[in-house]
Amino acid sequence: MRGSDSIRRLVAETEISVNDLVAPLFVREDIDSPQPIKSLPGIVQHSQESLLNEVAELVDLGVPGVILFGLPTHKDEIGSQAWAEDGVVQIALNELNAKFGSHISIMADLCLDEYTDHGHCGVLDEEGNVINDATIELYAQTAIAQARAGAQVIAPSGMMDGQVAAIRNALDANGYSHLPILAYSAKYASAFYGPFRDAVNVTIAGGGDRKGYQQDWHNSREAAVEVALDLAEGADMVMVKPALAYLDVISQVREQVDCPVAAYQVSGEYAMIKAAAANGWIDEQAVMFETLGAIKRAGASFILSYFSKDVAKALQ
């Protein structure tokens, strides 16, 4: 049953479709034209205008979802631009929802690291540790601001205890009980995030890290606990991040829950494939599809991937 391409397609257990994809997009406040990201070839920091053009192209290609990350001009110790009415993501959400709201799912990443001057995902105490409870209050404010601006899915990524409950309660109390929450439930303190931090212009103060609140890559069983907690607090979908180094976790989560399971093929995974292909060491398109196939085969319902547009074009 492997003798020809046609029969291989007939008996294939896993297939990648454009419907499996969500495109991560970066929108920056102080630019008039898209700015290339050196460590993410083919990906840019968008102006508001170029973001509209990019989403229009993704809609034409049939990509069903995008998720937004913001780059503000002003950063402060609490990340106040994350929930500002005129914040960069809120402006983008308003414009995207008005133009494309019925044609594509517009998701908003919810975290403070892009907006704080110290690069952490929350408010810090005098010793530089994140204060969990004060942080989730600001997450709730940000969720309301994103909802008012037109976000169709709220995606909290900060890995704070109780963040989903705080956001769900805030949304429900403000008339947004219909908005789904995509929780970054099993987000690991990974070495694969380097290019993303270039993309959002984030440096953690003092050379610190996020190992105190993101998950330890040595462990898989605690992912089940985090997922169960988020679902109990009101999450509608859960995510595993990164994807390729955590296929076992994706599989375990898929067996554990009945809700949609997302996986994030992160910046380092994308950049490695691009770099190897640029050196002629691999077939980029073949490896692109093979890695996405592995993520879906492990149990992902959909995949956040910087390859989204490339895949959609290839499938056409």
C-alpha atoms as a PDB file:
ATOM      1  CA  MET A   1       0.000   0.000   0.000  1.00  0.00           C
ATOM      2  CA  ARG A   2       2.957   2.328  -0.486  1.00  0.00           C
ATOM      3  CA  GLY A   3       3.589   1.594  -4.153  1.00  0.00           C
ATOM      4  CA  SER A   4       2.233   4.839  -5.618  1.00  0.00           C
ATOM      5  CA  ASP A   5       1.455   8.385  -4.586  1.00  0.00           C
ATOM      6  CA  SER A   6      -2.248   7.884  -5.209  1.00  0.00           C
ATOM      7  CA  ILE A   7      -2.603   4.888  -2.903  1.00  0.00           C
ATOM      8  CA  ARG A   8      -0.433   6.548  -0.257  1.00  0.00           C
ATOM      9  CA  ARG A   9      -2.866   9.466  -0.306  1.00  0.00           C
ATOM     10  CA  LEU A  10      -5.842   7.108  -0.112  1.00  0.00           C
ATOM     11  CA  VAL A  11      -4.611   5.411   3.053  1.00  0.00           C
ATOM     12  CA  ALA A  12      -2.988   8.409   4.756  1.00  0.00           C
ATOM     13  CA  GLU A  13      -4.008   8.638   8.404  1.00  0.00           C
ATOM     14  CA  THR A  14      -3.033  12.289   8.852  1.00  0.00           C
ATOM     15  CA  GLU A  15      -3.454  15.201   6.470  1.00  0.00           C
ATOM     16  CA  ILE A  16      -2.535  18.858   6.874  1.00  0.00           C
ATOM     17  CA  SER A  17      -5.247  21.275   5.792  1.00  0.00           C
ATOM     18  CA  VAL A  18      -5.358  25.056   5.723  1.00  0.00           C
ATOM     19  CA  ASN A  19      -8.091  24.673   8.353  1.00  0.00           C
ATOM     20  CA  ASP A  20      -5.465  23.457  10.845  1.00  0.00           C
ATOM     21  CA  LEU A  21      -3.640  26.794  10.921  1.00  0.00           C
ATOM     22  CA  VAL A  22      -3.474  29.992  12.958  1.00  0.00           C
ATOM     23  CA  ALA A  23      -0.964  32.655  11.867  1.00  0.00           C
ATOM     24  CA  PRO A  24       0.898  34.600  14.600  1.00  0.00           C
ATOM     25  CA  LEU A  25       1.244  38.273  13.605  1.00  0.00           C
ATOM     26  CA  PHE A  26       3.203  41.149  15.133  1.00  0.00           C
ATOM     27  CA  VAL A  27       1.915  44.737  15.031  1.00  0.00           C
ATOM     28  CA  ARG A  28       4.230  47.601  15.995  1.00  0.00           C
ATOM     29  CA  GLU A  29       3.310  51.109  17.015  1.00  0.00           C
ATOM     30  CA  ASP A  30       6.099  53.333  15.684  1.00  0.00           C
ATOM     31  CA  ILE A  31       6.495  52.220  12.043  1.00  0.00           C
ATOM     32  CA  ASP A  32       4.887  53.077   8.709  1.00  0.00           C
ATOM     33  CA  SER A  33       6.062  50.010   6.793  1.00  0.00           C
ATOM     34  CA  PRO A  34       6.744  46.365   7.688  1.00  0.00           C
ATOM     35  CA  GLN A  35      10.091  45.676   9.364  1.00  0.00           C
ATOM     36  CA  PRO A  36      11.829  42.322   8.696  1.00  0.00           C
ATOM     37  CA  ILE A  37      12.776  40.179  11.687  1.00  0.00           C
ATOM     38  CA  LYS A  38      16.276  38.874  11.023  1.00  0.00           C
ATOM     39  CA  SER A  39      15.914  35.694  13.089  1.00  0.00           C
ATOM     40  CA  LEU A  40      12.495  34.891  11.565  1.00  0.00           C
ATOM     41  CA  PRO A  41      13.012  34.979   7.788  1.00  0.00           C
ATOM     42  CA  GLY A  42       9.814  35.878   5.973  1.00  0.00           C
ATOM     43  CA  ILE A  43       8.106  37.240   9.111  1.00  0.00           C
ATOM     44  CA  VAL A  44       7.814  40.970   9.839  1.00  0.00           C
ATOM     45  CA  GLN A  45       6.742  43.488  12.426  1.00  0.00           C
ATOM     46  CA  HIS A  46       3.669  45.028  10.819  1.00  0.00           C
ATOM     47  CA  SER A  47       2.406  48.558  10.722  1.00  0.00           C
ATOM     48  CA  GLN A  48      -1.351  48.882  11.145  1.00  0.00           C
ATOM     49  CA  GLU A  49      -1.727  49.246   7.375  1.00  0.00           C
ATOM     50  CA  SER A  50       0.482  46.299   6.444  1.00  0.00           C
ATOM     51  CA  LEU A  51      -1.304  44.176   9.052  1.00  0.00           C
ATOM     52  CA  LEU A  52      -4.597  44.775   7.247  1.00  0.00           C
ATOM     53  CA  ASN A  53      -2.975  43.787   3.959  1.00  0.00           C
ATOM     54  CA  GLU A  54      -1.487  40.638   5.490  1.00  0.00           C
ATOM     55  CA  VAL A  55      -4.777  39.511   6.976  1.00  0.00           C
ATOM     56  CA  ALA A  56      -6.549  40.203   3.684  1.00  0.00           C
ATOM     57  CA  GLU A  57      -4.091  37.835   1.991  1.00  0.00           C
ATOM     58  CA  LEU A  58      -4.584  35.186   4.677  1.00  0.00           C
ATOM     59  CA  VAL A  59      -8.357  35.442   4.278  1.00  0.00           C
ATOM     60  CA  ASP A  60      -8.003  34.954   0.518  1.00  0.00           C
ATOM     61  CA  LEU A  61      -5.831  31.893   1.178  1.00  0.00           C
ATOM     62  CA  GLY A  62      -8.473  30.430   3.503  1.00  0.00           C
ATOM     63  CA  VAL A  63      -6.463  30.582   6.744  1.00  0.00           C
ATOM     64  CA  PRO A  64      -9.118  30.490   9.485  1.00  0.00           C
ATOM     65  CA  GLY A  65      -7.308  32.282  12.319  1.00  0.00           C
ATOM     66  CA  VAL A  66      -4.696  34.852  13.339  1.00  0.00           C
ATOM     67  CA  ILE A  67      -3.283  35.740  16.757  1.00  0.00           C
ATOM     68  CA  LEU A  68      -1.919  39.210  17.509  1.00  0.00           C
ATOM     69  CA  PHE A  69       1.146  40.292  19.487  1.00  0.00           C
ATOM     70  CA  GLY A  70       1.776  43.983  20.132  1.00  0.00           C
ATOM     71  CA  LEU A  71       4.913  46.134  20.185  1.00  0.00           C
ATOM     72  CA  PRO A  72       4.194  49.423  21.974  1.00  0.00           C
ATOM     73  CA  THR A  73       6.394  52.498  21.882  1.00  0.00           C
ATOM     74  CA  HIS A  74       5.981  53.105  25.610  1.00  0.00           C
ATOM     75  CA  LYS A  75       6.778  50.448  28.211  1.00  0.00           C
ATOM     76  CA  ASP A  76       6.477  50.762  31.988  1.00  0.00           C
ATOM     77  CA  GLU A  77       6.771  48.625  35.110  1.00  0.00           C
ATOM     78  CA  ILE A  78       3.172  47.368  34.966  1.00  0.00           C
ATOM     79  CA  GLY A  79       2.695  47.129  31.189  1.00  0.00           C
ATOM     80  CA  SER A  80      -0.152  49.637  31.076  1.00  0.00           C
ATOM     81  CA  GLN A  81      -0.302  49.782  27.281  1.00  0.00           C
ATOM     82  CA  ALA A  82      -1.597  46.204  27.297  1.00  0.00           C
ATOM     83  CA  TRP A  83      -5.054  47.419  28.336  1.00  0.00           C
ATOM     84  CA  ALA A  84      -4.993  51.008  27.021  1.00  0.00           C
ATOM     85  CA  GLU A  85      -7.944  51.822  24.775  1.00  0.00           C
ATOM     86  CA  ASP A  86      -5.523  53.288  22.225  1.00  0.00           C
ATOM     87  CA  GLY A  87      -2.972  50.491  22.677  1.00  0.00           C
ATOM     88  CA  VAL A  88      -1.425  49.043  19.555  1.00  0.00           C
ATOM     89  CA  VAL A  89      -3.293  45.722  19.751  1.00  0.00           C
ATOM     90  CA  GLN A  90      -6.618  47.359  20.599  1.00  0.00           C
ATOM     91  CA  ILE A  91      -6.351  49.592  17.512  1.00  0.00           C
ATOM     92  CA  ALA A  92      -5.500  46.563  15.370  1.00  0.00           C
ATOM     93  CA  LEU A  93      -8.360  44.515  16.796  1.00  0.00           C
ATOM     94  CA  ASN A  94     -10.859  47.270  16.046  1.00  0.00           C
ATOM     95  CA  GLU A  95      -9.717  47.611  12.460  1.00  0.00           C
ATOM     96  CA  LEU A  96      -9.410  43.882  11.774  1.00  0.00           C
ATOM     97  CA  ASN A  97     -12.763  43.072  13.299  1.00  0.00           C
ATOM     98  CA  ALA A  98     -14.488  45.809  11.297  1.00  0.00           C
ATOM     99  CA  LYS A  99     -12.987  44.604   8.030  1.00  0.00           C
ATOM    100  CA  PHE A 100     -12.618  40.826   8.418  1.00  0.00           C
ATOM    101  CA  GLY A 101     -14.562  39.841  11.531  1.00  0.00           C
ATOM    102  CA  SER A 102     -16.911  37.425   9.794  1.00  0.00           C
ATOM    103  CA  HIS A 103     -14.165  35.852   7.646  1.00  0.00           C
ATOM    104  CA  ILE A 104     -11.373  34.953  10.076  1.00  0.00           C
ATOM    105  CA  SER A 105     -11.012  34.258  13.807  1.00  0.00           C
ATOM    106  CA  ILE A 106      -9.135  37.147  15.397  1.00  0.00           C
ATOM    107  CA  MET A 107      -7.322  36.015  18.538  1.00  0.00           C
ATOM    108  CA  ALA A 108      -5.474  38.230  21.000  1.00  0.00           C
ATOM    109  CA  ASP A 109      -2.488  36.971  22.953  1.00  0.00           C
ATOM    110  CA  LEU A 110      -2.819  38.230  26.505  1.00  0.00           C
ATOM    111  CA  CYS A 111       0.391  38.811  28.436  1.00  0.00           C
ATOM    112  CA  LEU A 112       2.370  41.770  29.770  1.00  0.00           C
ATOM    113  CA  ASP A 113       5.920  40.928  28.719  1.00  0.00           C
ATOM    114  CA  GLU A 114       5.790  42.970  25.492  1.00  0.00           C
ATOM    115  CA  TYR A 115       4.557  45.971  27.508  1.00  0.00           C
ATOM    116  CA  THR A 116       6.738  45.944  30.644  1.00  0.00           C
ATOM    117  CA  ASP A 117      10.096  47.663  30.830  1.00  0.00           C
ATOM    118  CA  HIS A 118      11.567  44.641  32.633  1.00  0.00           C
ATOM    119  CA  GLY A 119      10.358  41.987  30.160  1.00  0.00           C
ATOM    120  CA  HIS A 120       8.560  39.781  32.673  1.00  0.00           C
ATOM    121  CA  CYS A 121       4.956  38.669  32.295  1.00  0.00           C
ATOM    122  CA  GLY A 122       3.656  40.521  35.331  1.00  0.00           C
ATOM    123  CA  VAL A 123       4.138  42.960  38.182  1.00  0.00           C
ATOM    124  CA  LEU A 124       7.383  42.549  40.144  1.00  0.00           C
ATOM    125  CA  ASP A 125       8.143  42.841  43.844  1.00  0.00           C
ATOM    126  CA  GLU A 126      11.269  44.515  45.223  1.00  0.00           C
ATOM    127  CA  GLU A 127      13.290  41.338  44.694  1.00  0.00           C
ATOM    128  CA  GLY A 128      12.282  41.072  41.042  1.00  0.00           C
ATOM    129  CA  ASN A 129       9.786  38.224  41.505  1.00  0.00           C
ATOM    130  CA  VAL A 130       6.430  38.253  39.726  1.00  0.00           C
ATOM    131  CA  ILE A 131       3.493  38.983  42.063  1.00  0.00           C
ATOM    132  CA  ASN A 132       0.861  36.511  40.900  1.00  0.00           C
ATOM    133  CA  ASP A 133      -2.347  38.015  42.298  1.00  0.00           C
ATOM    134  CA  ALA A 134      -1.575  41.597  41.300  1.00  0.00           C
ATOM    135  CA  THR A 135      -0.686  40.370  37.833  1.00  0.00           C
ATOM    136  CA  ILE A 136      -3.907  38.490  37.178  1.00  0.00           C
ATOM    137  CA  GLU A 137      -5.898  41.614  38.074  1.00  0.00           C
ATOM    138  CA  LEU A 138      -4.129  43.359  35.191  1.00  0.00           C
ATOM    139  CA  TYR A 139      -4.774  40.360  32.938  1.00  0.00           C
ATOM    140  CA  ALA A 140      -8.485  40.787  33.663  1.00  0.00           C
ATOM    141  CA  GLN A 141      -8.297  44.475  32.680  1.00  0.00           C
ATOM    142  CA  THR A 142      -6.483  43.554  29.486  1.00  0.00           C
ATOM    143  CA  ALA A 143      -9.058  40.903  28.596  1.00  0.00           C
ATOM    144  CA  ILE A 144     -11.877  43.446  28.885  1.00  0.00           C
ATOM    145  CA  ALA A 145      -9.948  45.946  26.728  1.00  0.00           C
ATOM    146  CA  GLN A 146      -9.305  43.291  24.075  1.00  0.00           C
ATOM    147  CA  ALA A 147     -12.932  42.175  24.132  1.00  0.00           C
ATOM    148  CA  ARG A 148     -14.185  45.745  23.715  1.00  0.00           C
ATOM    149  CA  ALA A 149     -11.798  46.215  20.796  1.00  0.00           C
ATOM    150  CA  GLY A 150     -13.189  43.179  18.974  1.00  0.00           C
ATOM    151  CA  ALA A 151     -11.093  40.165  19.935  1.00  0.00           C
ATOM    152  CA  GLN A 152     -12.956  36.964  19.108  1.00  0.00           C
ATOM    153  CA  VAL A 153     -10.741  34.704  21.232  1.00  0.00           C
ATOM    154  CA  ILE A 154      -8.777  35.701  24.353  1.00  0.00           C
ATOM    155  CA  ALA A 155      -5.514  33.764  24.711  1.00  0.00           C
ATOM    156  CA  PRO A 156      -3.762  34.255  28.084  1.00  0.00           C
ATOM    157  CA  SER A 157      -0.133  33.161  27.902  1.00  0.00           C
ATOM    158  CA  GLY A 158       1.418  34.393  31.143  1.00  0.00           C
ATOM    159  CA  MET A 159       1.163  31.098  33.089  1.00  0.00           C
ATOM    160  CA  MET A 160      -0.015  32.807  36.274  1.00  0.00           C
ATOM    161  CA  ASP A 161      -2.003  30.766  38.791  1.00  0.00           C
ATOM    162  CA  GLY A 162      -5.697  31.610  38.520  1.00  0.00           C
ATOM    163  CA  GLN A 163      -5.349  33.657  35.335  1.00  0.00           C
ATOM    164  CA  VAL A 164      -8.156  31.865  33.494  1.00  0.00           C
ATOM    165  CA  ALA A 165     -10.624  32.286  36.374  1.00  0.00           C
ATOM    166  CA  ALA A 166      -9.798  35.997  36.680  1.00  0.00           C
ATOM    167  CA  ILE A 167     -10.263  36.530  32.947  1.00  0.00           C
ATOM    168  CA  ARG A 168     -13.423  34.422  32.715  1.00  0.00           C
ATOM    169  CA  ASN A 169     -15.015  36.257  35.635  1.00  0.00           C
ATOM    170  CA  ALA A 170     -14.102  39.646  34.180  1.00  0.00           C
ATOM    171  CA  LEU A 171     -15.429  38.790  30.737  1.00  0.00           C
ATOM    172  CA  ASP A 172     -18.671  37.375  32.132  1.00  0.00           C
ATOM    173  CA  ALA A 173     -19.225  40.392  34.369  1.00  0.00           C
ATOM    174  CA  ASN A 174     -18.803  42.779  31.449  1.00  0.00           C
ATOM    175  CA  GLY A 175     -21.122  41.087  28.966  1.00  0.00           C
ATOM    176  CA  TYR A 176     -18.573  38.924  27.151  1.00  0.00           C
ATOM    177  CA  SER A 177     -19.589  35.488  28.392  1.00  0.00           C
ATOM    178  CA  HIS A 178     -19.724  34.350  24.752  1.00  0.00           C
ATOM    179  CA  LEU A 179     -15.998  34.942  24.166  1.00  0.00           C
ATOM    180  CA  PRO A 180     -13.902  31.758  24.282  1.00  0.00           C
ATOM    181  CA  ILE A 181     -10.620  31.509  26.162  1.00  0.00           C
ATOM    182  CA  LEU A 182      -7.675  29.701  24.590  1.00  0.00           C
ATOM    183  CA  ALA A 183      -5.399  29.052  27.559  1.00  0.00           C
ATOM    184  CA  TYR A 184      -1.666  28.556  27.183  1.00  0.00           C
ATOM    185  CA  SER A 185      -1.986  25.755  29.728  1.00  0.00           C
ATOM    186  CA  ALA A 186       1.258  23.844  29.191  1.00  0.00           C
ATOM    187  CA  LYS A 187       3.750  26.566  28.287  1.00  0.00           C
ATOM    188  CA  TYR A 188       7.310  25.519  28.954  1.00  0.00           C
ATOM    189  CA  ALA A 189      10.312  27.658  29.889  1.00  0.00           C
ATOM    190  CA  SER A 190      11.893  26.757  26.587  1.00  0.00           C
ATOM    191  CA  ALA A 191      15.118  27.620  24.769  1.00  0.00           C
ATOM    192  CA  PHE A 192      13.118  27.696  21.513  1.00  0.00           C
ATOM    193  CA  TYR A 193      11.709  31.213  22.090  1.00  0.00           C
ATOM    194  CA  GLY A 194      14.773  33.265  21.120  1.00  0.00           C
ATOM    195  CA  PRO A 195      13.579  34.604  17.749  1.00  0.00           C
ATOM    196  CA  PHE A 196      10.184  35.508  19.232  1.00  0.00           C
ATOM    197  CA  ARG A 197      11.876  37.830  21.712  1.00  0.00           C
ATOM    198  CA  ASP A 198      13.588  39.528  18.769  1.00  0.00           C
ATOM    199  CA  ALA A 199      10.181  39.826  17.107  1.00  0.00           C
ATOM    200  CA  VAL A 200       8.583  41.586  20.092  1.00  0.00           C
ATOM    201  CA  ASN A 201      11.708  43.521  21.182  1.00  0.00           C
ATOM    202  CA  VAL A 202      11.721  41.952  24.648  1.00  0.00           C
ATOM    203  CA  THR A 203      14.754  41.509  26.879  1.00  0.00           C
ATOM    204  CA  ILE A 204      14.359  40.216  30.414  1.00  0.00           C
ATOM    205  CA  ALA A 205      16.001  42.622  32.864  1.00  0.00           C
ATOM    206  CA  GLY A 206      19.215  41.461  34.446  1.00  0.00           C
ATOM    207  CA  GLY A 207      19.472  38.454  32.164  1.00  0.00           C
ATOM    208  CA  GLY A 208      16.653  36.752  34.068  1.00  0.00           C
ATOM    209  CA  ASP A 209      14.303  34.015  32.947  1.00  0.00           C
ATOM    210  CA  ARG A 210      10.726  32.834  33.402  1.00  0.00           C
ATOM    211  CA  LYS A 211      11.445  29.466  34.976  1.00  0.00           C
ATOM    212  CA  GLY A 212       9.608  30.486  38.137  1.00  0.00           C
ATOM    213  CA  TYR A 213       6.211  30.568  36.401  1.00  0.00           C
ATOM    214  CA  GLN A 214       6.572  28.666  33.120  1.00  0.00           C
ATOM    215  CA  GLN A 215       6.809  24.873  33.175  1.00  0.00           C
ATOM    216  CA  ASP A 216      10.025  22.884  33.570  1.00  0.00           C
ATOM    217  CA  TRP A 217      10.972  21.019  30.382  1.00  0.00           C
ATOM    218  CA  HIS A 218      11.987  17.978  32.435  1.00  0.00           C
ATOM    219  CA  ASN A 219       8.362  17.320  33.415  1.00  0.00           C
ATOM    220  CA  SER A 220       5.256  16.153  31.618  1.00  0.00           C
ATOM    221  CA  ARG A 221       2.846  15.058  34.356  1.00  0.00           C
ATOM    222  CA  GLU A 222       2.463  18.569  35.735  1.00  0.00           C
ATOM    223  CA  ALA A 223       1.076  19.606  32.338  1.00  0.00           C
ATOM    224  CA  ALA A 224      -1.967  17.451  33.089  1.00  0.00           C
ATOM    225  CA  VAL A 225      -2.490  19.348  36.345  1.00  0.00           C
ATOM    226  CA  GLU A 226      -2.187  22.744  34.644  1.00  0.00           C
ATOM    227  CA  VAL A 227      -4.624  21.737  31.900  1.00  0.00           C
ATOM    228  CA  ALA A 228      -7.172  20.422  34.397  1.00  0.00           C
ATOM    229  CA  LEU A 229      -6.949  23.620  36.462  1.00  0.00           C
ATOM    230  CA  ASP A 230      -7.461  25.858  33.421  1.00  0.00           C
ATOM    231  CA  LEU A 231     -10.480  23.882  32.253  1.00  0.00           C
ATOM    232  CA  ALA A 232     -11.979  23.980  35.749  1.00  0.00           C
ATOM    233  CA  GLU A 233     -11.516  27.775  35.736  1.00  0.00           C
ATOM    234  CA  GLY A 234     -13.388  28.189  32.448  1.00  0.00           C
ATOM    235  CA  ALA A 235     -10.961  27.674  29.561  1.00  0.00           C
ATOM    236  CA  ASP A 236     -12.631  26.574  26.331  1.00  0.00           C
ATOM    237  CA  MET A 237      -9.437  25.436  24.584  1.00  0.00           C
ATOM    238  CA  VAL A 238      -5.968  24.571  25.845  1.00  0.00           C
ATOM    239  CA  MET A 239      -2.532  24.897  24.305  1.00  0.00           C
ATOM    240  CA  VAL A 240       0.831  23.142  24.485  1.00  0.00           C
ATOM    241  CA  LYS A 241       3.869  25.314  23.693  1.00  0.00           C
ATOM    242  CA  PRO A 242       6.366  24.577  22.124  1.00  0.00           C
ATOM    243  CA  ALA A 243       5.233  21.740  19.888  1.00  0.00           C
ATOM    244  CA  LEU A 244       7.964  19.508  18.454  1.00  0.00           C
ATOM    245  CA  ALA A 245       9.919  18.920  21.654  1.00  0.00           C
ATOM    246  CA  TYR A 246       6.639  18.267  23.486  1.00  0.00           C
ATOM    247  CA  LEU A 247       4.787  15.880  21.200  1.00  0.00           C
ATOM    248  CA  ASP A 248       4.414  13.513  24.156  1.00  0.00           C
ATOM    249  CA  VAL A 249       2.671  16.262  26.129  1.00  0.00           C
ATOM    250  CA  ILE A 250       0.336  17.050  23.221  1.00  0.00           C
ATOM    251  CA  SER A 251      -0.563  13.365  23.035  1.00  0.00           C
ATOM    252  CA  GLN A 252      -1.156  13.114  26.780  1.00  0.00           C
ATOM    253  CA  VAL A 253      -3.327  16.231  26.825  1.00  0.00           C
ATOM    254  CA  ARG A 254      -5.334  14.969  23.858  1.00  0.00           C
ATOM    255  CA  GLU A 255      -6.087  11.760  25.772  1.00  0.00           C
ATOM    256  CA  GLN A 256      -7.001  13.755  28.879  1.00  0.00           C
ATOM    257  CA  VAL A 257      -9.522  16.270  27.501  1.00  0.00           C
ATOM    258  CA  ASP A 258     -12.448  16.540  25.109  1.00  0.00           C
ATOM    259  CA  CYS A 259     -11.957  20.216  24.222  1.00  0.00           C
ATOM    260  CA  PRO A 260      -9.843  21.502  21.305  1.00  0.00           C
ATOM    261  CA  VAL A 261      -6.089  21.198  21.875  1.00  0.00           C
ATOM    262  CA  ALA A 262      -3.844  23.765  20.207  1.00  0.00           C
ATOM    263  CA  ALA A 263      -0.102  23.476  19.714  1.00  0.00           C
ATOM    264  CA  TYR A 264       2.306  26.339  19.009  1.00  0.00           C
ATOM    265  CA  GLN A 265       5.106  25.624  16.541  1.00  0.00           C
ATOM    266  CA  VAL A 266       7.280  28.342  17.997  1.00  0.00           C
ATOM    267  CA  SER A 267       9.818  30.743  16.569  1.00  0.00           C
ATOM    268  CA  GLY A 268      12.874  28.580  17.216  1.00  0.00           C
ATOM    269  CA  GLU A 269      11.299  25.595  15.482  1.00  0.00           C
ATOM    270  CA  TYR A 270      10.485  27.743  12.459  1.00  0.00           C
ATOM    271  CA  ALA A 271      13.890  29.471  12.408  1.00  0.00           C
ATOM    272  CA  MET A 272      15.830  26.188  12.522  1.00  0.00           C
ATOM    273  CA  ILE A 273      13.981  24.853   9.491  1.00  0.00           C
ATOM    274  CA  LYS A 274      14.491  28.121   7.610  1.00  0.00           C
ATOM    275  CA  ALA A 275      18.209  28.216   8.455  1.00  0.00           C
ATOM    276  CA  ALA A 276      18.832  24.601   7.439  1.00  0.00           C
ATOM    277  CA  ALA A 277      16.908  25.106   4.199  1.00  0.00           C
ATOM    278  CA  ALA A 278      18.854  28.300   3.427  1.00  0.00           C
ATOM    279  CA  ASN A 279      22.054  26.252   3.687  1.00  0.00           C
ATOM    280  CA  GLY A 280      20.693  23.579   1.346  1.00  0.00           C
ATOM    281  CA  TRP A 281      20.703  20.905   4.055  1.00  0.00           C
ATOM    282  CA  ILE A 282      16.979  20.069   3.936  1.00  0.00           C
ATOM    283  CA  ASP A 283      13.957  20.411   1.660  1.00  0.00           C
ATOM    284  CA  GLU A 284      12.087  23.255   3.407  1.00  0.00           C
ATOM    285  CA  GLN A 285       8.606  22.441   2.161  1.00  0.00           C
ATOM    286  CA  ALA A 286       8.936  18.726   2.840  1.00  0.00           C
ATOM    287  CA  VAL A 287      10.182  19.331   6.391  1.00  0.00           C
ATOM    288  CA  MET A 288       7.504  21.982   6.939  1.00  0.00           C
ATOM    289  CA  PHE A 289       4.753  19.516   6.148  1.00  0.00           C
ATOM    290  CA  GLU A 290       6.430  16.637   7.995  1.00  0.00           C
ATOM    291  CA  THR A 291       6.793  18.596  11.229  1.00  0.00           C
ATOM    292  CA  LEU A 292       3.253  19.949  11.069  1.00  0.00           C
ATOM    293  CA  GLY A 293       2.048  16.425  10.360  1.00  0.00           C
ATOM    294  CA  ALA A 294       3.828  15.158  13.465  1.00  0.00           C
ATOM    295  CA  ILE A 295       2.157  17.838  15.597  1.00  0.00           C
ATOM    296  CA  LYS A 296      -1.275  17.006  14.240  1.00  0.00           C
ATOM    297  CA  ARG A 297      -0.642  13.258  14.520  1.00  0.00           C
ATOM    298  CA  ALA A 298       0.241  13.762  18.185  1.00  0.00           C
ATOM    299  CA  GLY A 299      -3.261  15.121  18.731  1.00  0.00           C
ATOM    300  CA  ALA A 300      -3.338  18.853  18.017  1.00  0.00           C
ATOM    301  CA  SER A 301      -6.719  20.163  16.864  1.00  0.00           C
ATOM    302  CA  PHE A 302      -5.036  23.191  15.305  1.00  0.00           C
ATOM    303  CA  ILE A 303      -1.536  24.639  15.096  1.00  0.00           C
ATOM    304  CA  LEU A 304      -0.193  28.140  15.584  1.00  0.00           C
ATOM    305  CA  SER A 305       2.629  28.335  13.051  1.00  0.00           C
ATOM    306  CA  TYR A 306       4.753  30.942  11.288  1.00  0.00           C
ATOM    307  CA  PHE A 307       4.492  28.637   8.271  1.00  0.00           C
ATOM    308  CA  SER A 308       0.739  29.253   7.993  1.00  0.00           C
ATOM    309  CA  LYS A 309       0.877  31.384   4.857  1.00  0.00           C
ATOM    310  CA  ASP A 310       3.500  29.148   3.226  1.00  0.00           C
ATOM    311  CA  VAL A 311       1.378  26.082   3.870  1.00  0.00           C
ATOM    312  CA  ALA A 312      -1.757  27.738   2.543  1.00  0.00           C
ATOM    313  CA  LYS A 313       0.040  28.766  -0.648  1.00  0.00           C
ATOM    314  CA  ALA A 314       1.525  25.297  -1.101  1.00  0.00           C
ATOM    315  CA  LEU A 315      -1.862  23.641  -0.669  1.00  0.00           C
ATOM    316  CA  GLN A 316      -3.381  25.875  -3.337  1.00  0.00           C
END
